[in-house]
PDB file of N, CA and C in Angstrom:
ATOM      1  N   MET A   1      59.235 -27.681-225.802  1.00  0.00           N
ATOM      2  CA  MET A   1      60.158 -27.635-226.905  1.00  0.00           C
ATOM      3  C   MET A   1      61.465 -27.003-226.450  1.00  0.00           C
ATOM      4  N   ALA A   2      62.549 -27.672-226.720  1.00  0.00           N
ATOM      5  CA  ALA A   2      63.856 -27.197-226.293  1.00  0.00           C
ATOM      6  C   ALA A   2      64.319 -26.043-227.176  1.00  0.00           C
ATOM      7  N   LEU A   3      64.937 -25.089-226.534  1.00  0.00           N
ATOM      8  CA  LEU A   3      65.496 -23.962-227.271  1.00  0.00           C
ATOM      9  C   LEU A   3      66.890 -24.317-227.755  1.00  0.00           C
ATOM     10  N   LYS A   4      67.171 -23.962-228.971  1.00  0.00           N
ATOM     11  CA  LYS A   4      68.500 -24.177-229.520  1.00  0.00           C
ATOM     12  C   LYS A   4      69.353 -22.962-229.164  1.00  0.00           C
ATOM     13  N   PRO A   5      70.650 -23.149-228.965  1.00  0.00           N
ATOM     14  CA  PRO A   5      71.512 -22.014-228.624  1.00  0.00           C
ATOM     15  C   PRO A   5      71.457 -20.888-229.659  1.00  0.00           C
ATOM     16  N   ASN A   6      71.327 -21.222-230.939  1.00  0.00           N
ATOM     17  CA  ASN A   6      71.255 -20.177-231.955  1.00  0.00           C
ATOM     18  C   ASN A   6      69.978 -19.348-231.819  1.00  0.00           C
ATOM     19  N   ASP A   7      68.891 -19.986-231.427  1.00  0.00           N
ATOM     20  CA  ASP A   7      67.649 -19.249-231.212  1.00  0.00           C
ATOM     21  C   ASP A   7      67.809 -18.247-230.069  1.00  0.00           C
ATOM     22  N   ILE A   8      68.488 -18.655-229.027  1.00  0.00           N
ATOM     23  CA  ILE A   8      68.694 -17.773-227.877  1.00  0.00           C
ATOM     24  C   ILE A   8      69.651 -16.644-228.254  1.00  0.00           C
ATOM     25  N   ARG A   9      70.672 -16.949-229.037  1.00  0.00           N
ATOM     26  CA  ARG A   9      71.631 -15.915-229.438  1.00  0.00           C
ATOM     27  C   ARG A   9      70.979 -14.829-230.290  1.00  0.00           C
ATOM     28  N   ASN A  10      69.926 -15.171-231.013  1.00  0.00           N
ATOM     29  CA  ASN A  10      69.233 -14.190-231.839  1.00  0.00           C
ATOM     30  C   ASN A  10      68.312 -13.283-231.026  1.00  0.00           C
ATOM     31  N   MET A  11      68.095 -13.603-229.759  1.00  0.00           N
ATOM     32  CA  MET A  11      67.243 -12.784-228.903  1.00  0.00           C
ATOM     33  C   MET A  11      68.060 -11.622-228.328  1.00  0.00           C
ATOM     34  N   THR A  12      67.344 -10.586-227.911  1.00  0.00           N
ATOM     35  CA  THR A  12      67.999  -9.487-227.212  1.00  0.00           C
ATOM     36  C   THR A  12      68.151  -9.882-225.745  1.00  0.00           C
ATOM     37  N   ALA A  13      68.920  -9.092-225.010  1.00  0.00           N
ATOM     38  CA  ALA A  13      69.139  -9.390-223.596  1.00  0.00           C
ATOM     39  C   ALA A  13      67.824  -9.325-222.820  1.00  0.00           C
ATOM     40  N   ALA A  14      66.965  -8.372-223.167  1.00  0.00           N
ATOM     41  CA  ALA A  14      65.671  -8.258-222.480  1.00  0.00           C
ATOM     42  C   ALA A  14      64.791  -9.476-222.754  1.00  0.00           C
ATOM     43  N   GLU A  15      64.809  -9.960-223.987  1.00  0.00           N
ATOM     44  CA  GLU A  15      64.014 -11.148-224.322  1.00  0.00           C
ATOM     45  C   GLU A  15      64.534 -12.370-223.587  1.00  0.00           C
ATOM     46  N   ILE A  16      65.852 -12.476-223.470  1.00  0.00           N
ATOM     47  CA  ILE A  16      66.436 -13.609-222.751  1.00  0.00           C
ATOM     48  C   ILE A  16      66.052 -13.548-221.282  1.00  0.00           C
ATOM     49  N   ASN A  17      66.076 -12.347-220.697  1.00  0.00           N
ATOM     50  CA  ASN A  17      65.673 -12.208-219.292  1.00  0.00           C
ATOM     51  C   ASN A  17      64.215 -12.581-219.100  1.00  0.00           C
ATOM     52  N   ASN A  18      63.360 -12.197-220.032  1.00  0.00           N
ATOM     53  CA  ASN A  18      61.944 -12.597-219.937  1.00  0.00           C
ATOM     54  C   ASN A  18      61.795 -14.109-220.045  1.00  0.00           C
ATOM     55  N   LYS A  19      62.565 -14.717-220.931  1.00  0.00           N
ATOM     56  CA  LYS A  19      62.532 -16.172-221.078  1.00  0.00           C
ATOM     57  C   LYS A  19      63.011 -16.849-219.800  1.00  0.00           C
ATOM     58  N   LEU A  20      64.052 -16.280-219.172  1.00  0.00           N
ATOM     59  CA  LEU A  20      64.554 -16.831-217.910  1.00  0.00           C
ATOM     60  C   LEU A  20      63.476 -16.799-216.834  1.00  0.00           C
ATOM     61  N   ILE A  21      62.749 -15.720-216.761  1.00  0.00           N
ATOM     62  CA  ILE A  21      61.684 -15.611-215.756  1.00  0.00           C
ATOM     63  C   ILE A  21      60.636 -16.696-215.969  1.00  0.00           C
ATOM     64  N   SER A  22      60.232 -16.888-217.219  1.00  0.00           N
ATOM     65  CA  SER A  22      59.212 -17.908-217.484  1.00  0.00           C
ATOM     66  C   SER A  22      59.752 -19.318-217.229  1.00  0.00           C
ATOM     67  N   LEU A  23      61.030 -19.552-217.543  1.00  0.00           N
ATOM     68  CA  LEU A  23      61.615 -20.872-217.284  1.00  0.00           C
ATOM     69  C   LEU A  23      61.727 -21.144-215.790  1.00  0.00           C
ATOM     70  N   LYS A  24      62.073 -20.123-215.010  1.00  0.00           N
ATOM     71  CA  LYS A  24      62.166 -20.302-213.561  1.00  0.00           C
ATOM     72  C   LYS A  24      60.802 -20.586-212.947  1.00  0.00           C
ATOM     73  N   GLU A  25      59.771 -19.930-213.480  1.00  0.00           N
ATOM     74  CA  GLU A  25      58.412 -20.213-213.001  1.00  0.00           C
ATOM     75  C   GLU A  25      58.016 -21.645-213.328  1.00  0.00           C
ATOM     76  N   ALA A  26      58.366 -22.095-214.525  1.00  0.00           N
ATOM     77  CA  ALA A  26      58.053 -23.468-214.914  1.00  0.00           C
ATOM     78  C   ALA A  26      58.785 -24.466-214.024  1.00  0.00           C
ATOM     79  N   LEU A  27      60.051 -24.171-213.709  1.00  0.00           N
ATOM     80  CA  LEU A  27      60.824 -25.056-212.843  1.00  0.00           C
ATOM     81  C   LEU A  27      60.212 -25.116-211.447  1.00  0.00           C
ATOM     82  N   PHE A  28      59.740 -23.977-210.956  1.00  0.00           N
ATOM     83  CA  PHE A  28      59.073 -23.953-209.659  1.00  0.00           C
ATOM     84  C   PHE A  28      57.846 -24.858-209.669  1.00  0.00           C
ATOM     85  N   LYS A  29      57.060 -24.778-210.744  1.00  0.00           N
ATOM     86  CA  LYS A  29      55.864 -25.618-210.855  1.00  0.00           C
ATOM     87  C   LYS A  29      56.223 -27.094-210.914  1.00  0.00           C
ATOM     88  N   PHE A  30      57.308 -27.425-211.637  1.00  0.00           N
ATOM     89  CA  PHE A  30      57.749 -28.820-211.708  1.00  0.00           C
ATOM     90  C   PHE A  30      58.170 -29.326-210.336  1.00  0.00           C
ATOM     91  N   ARG A  31      58.884 -28.493-209.589  1.00  0.00           N
ATOM     92  CA  ARG A  31      59.314 -28.900-208.244  1.00  0.00           C
ATOM     93  C   ARG A  31      58.115 -29.086-207.327  1.00  0.00           C
ATOM     94  N   PHE A  32      57.151 -28.217-207.438  1.00  0.00           N
ATOM     95  CA  PHE A  32      55.941 -28.328-206.625  1.00  0.00           C
ATOM     96  C   PHE A  32      55.209 -29.624-206.943  1.00  0.00           C
ATOM     97  N   GLU A  33      55.086 -29.934-208.235  1.00  0.00           N
ATOM     98  CA  GLU A  33      54.419 -31.179-208.633  1.00  0.00           C
ATOM     99  C   GLU A  33      55.202 -32.394-208.152  1.00  0.00           C
ATOM    100  N   GLN A  34      56.526 -32.299-208.185  1.00  0.00           N
ATOM    101  CA  GLN A  34      57.351 -33.419-207.748  1.00  0.00           C
ATOM    102  C   GLN A  34      57.141 -33.693-206.263  1.00  0.00           C
ATOM    103  N   LYS A  35      57.080 -32.637-205.471  1.00  0.00           N
ATOM    104  CA  LYS A  35      56.883 -32.818-204.028  1.00  0.00           C
ATOM    105  C   LYS A  35      55.485 -33.345-203.714  1.00  0.00           C
ATOM    106  N   SER A  36      54.516 -32.984-204.529  1.00  0.00           N
ATOM    107  CA  SER A  36      53.162 -33.471-204.281  1.00  0.00           C
ATOM    108  C   SER A  36      52.945 -34.862-204.877  1.00  0.00           C
ATOM    109  N   GLY A  37      53.919 -35.347-205.642  1.00  0.00           N
ATOM    110  CA  GLY A  37      53.866 -36.706-206.146  1.00  0.00           C
ATOM    111  C   GLY A  37      53.032 -36.904-207.387  1.00  0.00           C
ATOM    112  N   ARG A  38      52.840 -35.876-208.183  1.00  0.00           N
ATOM    113  CA  ARG A  38      52.043 -36.049-209.388  1.00  0.00           C
ATOM    114  C   ARG A  38      52.766 -35.534-210.633  1.00  0.00           C
ATOM    115  N   VAL A  39      53.997 -35.926-210.775  1.00  0.00           N
ATOM    116  CA  VAL A  39      54.793 -35.537-211.936  1.00  0.00           C
ATOM    117  C   VAL A  39      54.448 -36.464-213.099  1.00  0.00           C
ATOM    118  N   GLU A  40      54.050 -35.859-214.206  1.00  0.00           N
ATOM    119  CA  GLU A  40      53.724 -36.661-215.379  1.00  0.00           C
ATOM    120  C   GLU A  40      54.928 -36.826-216.291  1.00  0.00           C
ATOM    121  N   LYS A  41      55.733 -35.778-216.412  1.00  0.00           N
ATOM    122  CA  LYS A  41      56.892 -35.814-217.299  1.00  0.00           C
ATOM    123  C   LYS A  41      58.134 -35.334-216.554  1.00  0.00           C
ATOM    124  N   PRO A  42      58.797 -36.219-215.815  1.00  0.00           N
ATOM    125  CA  PRO A  42      59.946 -35.787-215.011  1.00  0.00           C
ATOM    126  C   PRO A  42      61.127 -35.304-215.851  1.00  0.00           C
ATOM    127  N   HIS A  43      61.204 -35.702-217.115  1.00  0.00           N
ATOM    128  CA  HIS A  43      62.317 -35.263-217.951  1.00  0.00           C
ATOM    129  C   HIS A  43      62.242 -33.772-218.263  1.00  0.00           C
ATOM    130  N   GLN A  44      61.077 -33.179-218.165  1.00  0.00           N
ATOM    131  CA  GLN A  44      60.943 -31.756-218.447  1.00  0.00           C
ATOM    132  C   GLN A  44      61.657 -30.900-217.409  1.00  0.00           C
ATOM    133  N   MET A  45      61.762 -31.402-216.196  1.00  0.00           N
ATOM    134  CA  MET A  45      62.450 -30.668-215.146  1.00  0.00           C
ATOM    135  C   MET A  45      63.928 -30.516-215.512  1.00  0.00           C
ATOM    136  N   ARG A  46      64.528 -31.579-215.949  1.00  0.00           N
ATOM    137  CA  ARG A  46      65.931 -31.554-216.347  1.00  0.00           C
ATOM    138  C   ARG A  46      66.125 -30.660-217.573  1.00  0.00           C
ATOM    139  N   GLN A  47      65.222 -30.772-218.516  1.00  0.00           N
ATOM    140  CA  GLN A  47      65.295 -29.963-219.733  1.00  0.00           C
ATOM    141  C   GLN A  47      65.181 -28.475-219.407  1.00  0.00           C
ATOM    142  N   THR A  48      64.318 -28.125-218.470  1.00  0.00           N
ATOM    143  CA  THR A  48      64.144 -26.737-218.077  1.00  0.00           C
ATOM    144  C   THR A  48      65.397 -26.198-217.406  1.00  0.00           C
ATOM    145  N   ARG A  49      65.999 -26.997-216.529  1.00  0.00           N
ATOM    146  CA  ARG A  49      67.240 -26.569-215.879  1.00  0.00           C
ATOM    147  C   ARG A  49      68.333 -26.298-216.900  1.00  0.00           C
ATOM    148  N   ARG A  50      68.416 -27.135-217.918  1.00  0.00           N
ATOM    149  CA  ARG A  50      69.435 -26.954-218.951  1.00  0.00           C
ATOM    150  C   ARG A  50      69.164 -25.710-219.793  1.00  0.00           C
ATOM    151  N   GLU A  51      67.897 -25.439-220.073  1.00  0.00           N
ATOM    152  CA  GLU A  51      67.565 -24.235-220.828  1.00  0.00           C
ATOM    153  C   GLU A  51      67.903 -22.978-220.036  1.00  0.00           C
ATOM    154  N   ILE A  52      67.682 -23.023-218.722  1.00  0.00           N
ATOM    155  CA  ILE A  52      68.062 -21.897-217.870  1.00  0.00           C
ATOM    156  C   ILE A  52      69.572 -21.681-217.940  1.00  0.00           C
ATOM    157  N   ALA A  53      70.320 -22.761-217.867  1.00  0.00           N
ATOM    158  CA  ALA A  53      71.777 -22.658-217.943  1.00  0.00           C
ATOM    159  C   ALA A  53      72.226 -22.106-219.295  1.00  0.00           C
ATOM    160  N   ARG A  54      71.572 -22.537-220.368  1.00  0.00           N
ATOM    161  CA  ARG A  54      71.897 -22.016-221.702  1.00  0.00           C
ATOM    162  C   ARG A  54      71.667 -20.513-221.777  1.00  0.00           C
ATOM    163  N   CYS A  55      70.552 -20.071-221.223  1.00  0.00           N
ATOM    164  CA  CYS A  55      70.239 -18.640-221.250  1.00  0.00           C
ATOM    165  C   CYS A  55      71.284 -17.838-220.475  1.00  0.00           C
ATOM    166  N   TYR A  56      71.654 -18.324-219.299  1.00  0.00           N
ATOM    167  CA  TYR A  56      72.675 -17.629-218.518  1.00  0.00           C
ATOM    168  C   TYR A  56      74.018 -17.589-219.255  1.00  0.00           C
ATOM    169  N   THR A  57      74.377 -18.686-219.889  1.00  0.00           N
ATOM    170  CA  THR A  57      75.642 -18.755-220.614  1.00  0.00           C
ATOM    171  C   THR A  57      75.666 -17.758-221.767  1.00  0.00           C
ATOM    172  N   ILE A  58      74.600 -17.697-222.514  1.00  0.00           N
ATOM    173  CA  ILE A  58      74.560 -16.795-223.666  1.00  0.00           C
ATOM    174  C   ILE A  58      74.477 -15.343-223.220  1.00  0.00           C
ATOM    175  N   LEU A  59      73.780 -15.069-222.113  1.00  0.00           N
ATOM    176  CA  LEU A  59      73.785 -13.706-221.568  1.00  0.00           C
ATOM    177  C   LEU A  59      75.203 -13.290-221.196  1.00  0.00           C
ATOM    178  N   ARG A  60      75.932 -14.209-220.600  1.00  0.00           N
ATOM    179  CA  ARG A  60      77.315 -13.931-220.201  1.00  0.00           C
ATOM    180  C   ARG A  60      78.188 -13.694-221.428  1.00  0.00           C
ATOM    181  N   GLU A  61      77.980 -14.477-222.476  1.00  0.00           N
ATOM    182  CA  GLU A  61      78.724 -14.281-223.719  1.00  0.00           C
ATOM    183  C   GLU A  61      78.472 -12.891-224.285  1.00  0.00           C
ATOM    184  N   LYS A  62      77.220 -12.452-224.253  1.00  0.00           N
ATOM    185  CA  LYS A  62      76.880 -11.135-224.782  1.00  0.00           C
ATOM    186  C   LYS A  62      77.518 -10.028-223.939  1.00  0.00           C
ATOM    187  N   GLU A  63      77.547 -10.208-222.613  1.00  0.00           N
ATOM    188  CA  GLU A  63      78.193  -9.222-221.750  1.00  0.00           C
ATOM    189  C   GLU A  63      79.687  -9.126-222.036  1.00  0.00           C
ATOM    190  N   ASN A  64      80.324 -10.268-222.219  1.00  0.00           N
ATOM    191  CA  ASN A  64      81.758 -10.283-222.497  1.00  0.00           C
ATOM    192  C   ASN A  64      82.078  -9.721-223.875  1.00  0.00           C
ATOM    193  N   ALA A  65      81.169  -9.891-224.818  1.00  0.00           N
ATOM    194  CA  ALA A  65      81.393  -9.370-226.173  1.00  0.00           C
ATOM    195  C   ALA A  65      81.328  -7.848-226.192  1.00  0.00           C
ATOM    196  N   GLU A  66      80.531  -7.272-225.285  1.00  0.00           N
ATOM    197  CA  GLU A  66      80.425  -5.827-225.226  1.00  0.00           C
ATOM    198  C   GLU A  66      81.669  -5.178-224.656  1.00  0.00           C
ATOM    199  N   LYS A  67      82.418  -5.907-223.855  1.00  0.00           N
ATOM    200  CA  LYS A  67      83.624  -5.346-223.214  1.00  0.00           C
ATOM    201  C   LYS A  67      84.788  -5.282-224.137  1.00  0.00           C
TER     202      LYS A  67
END
């Protein structure tokens, strides 16, 4: 399930960092499956990369808002 930007904005920085860790682990698993040739849903890899980017963007927004 894709995360909406508003859902991420409602999280704290610690929650976003935890989400990033889990998304990076998922991306690692997708890459491993891709190399072994048994990818069932290749679109999830792209979706995960975009969610990681969303999390980084919103973390950056929160850092800039504090300044």
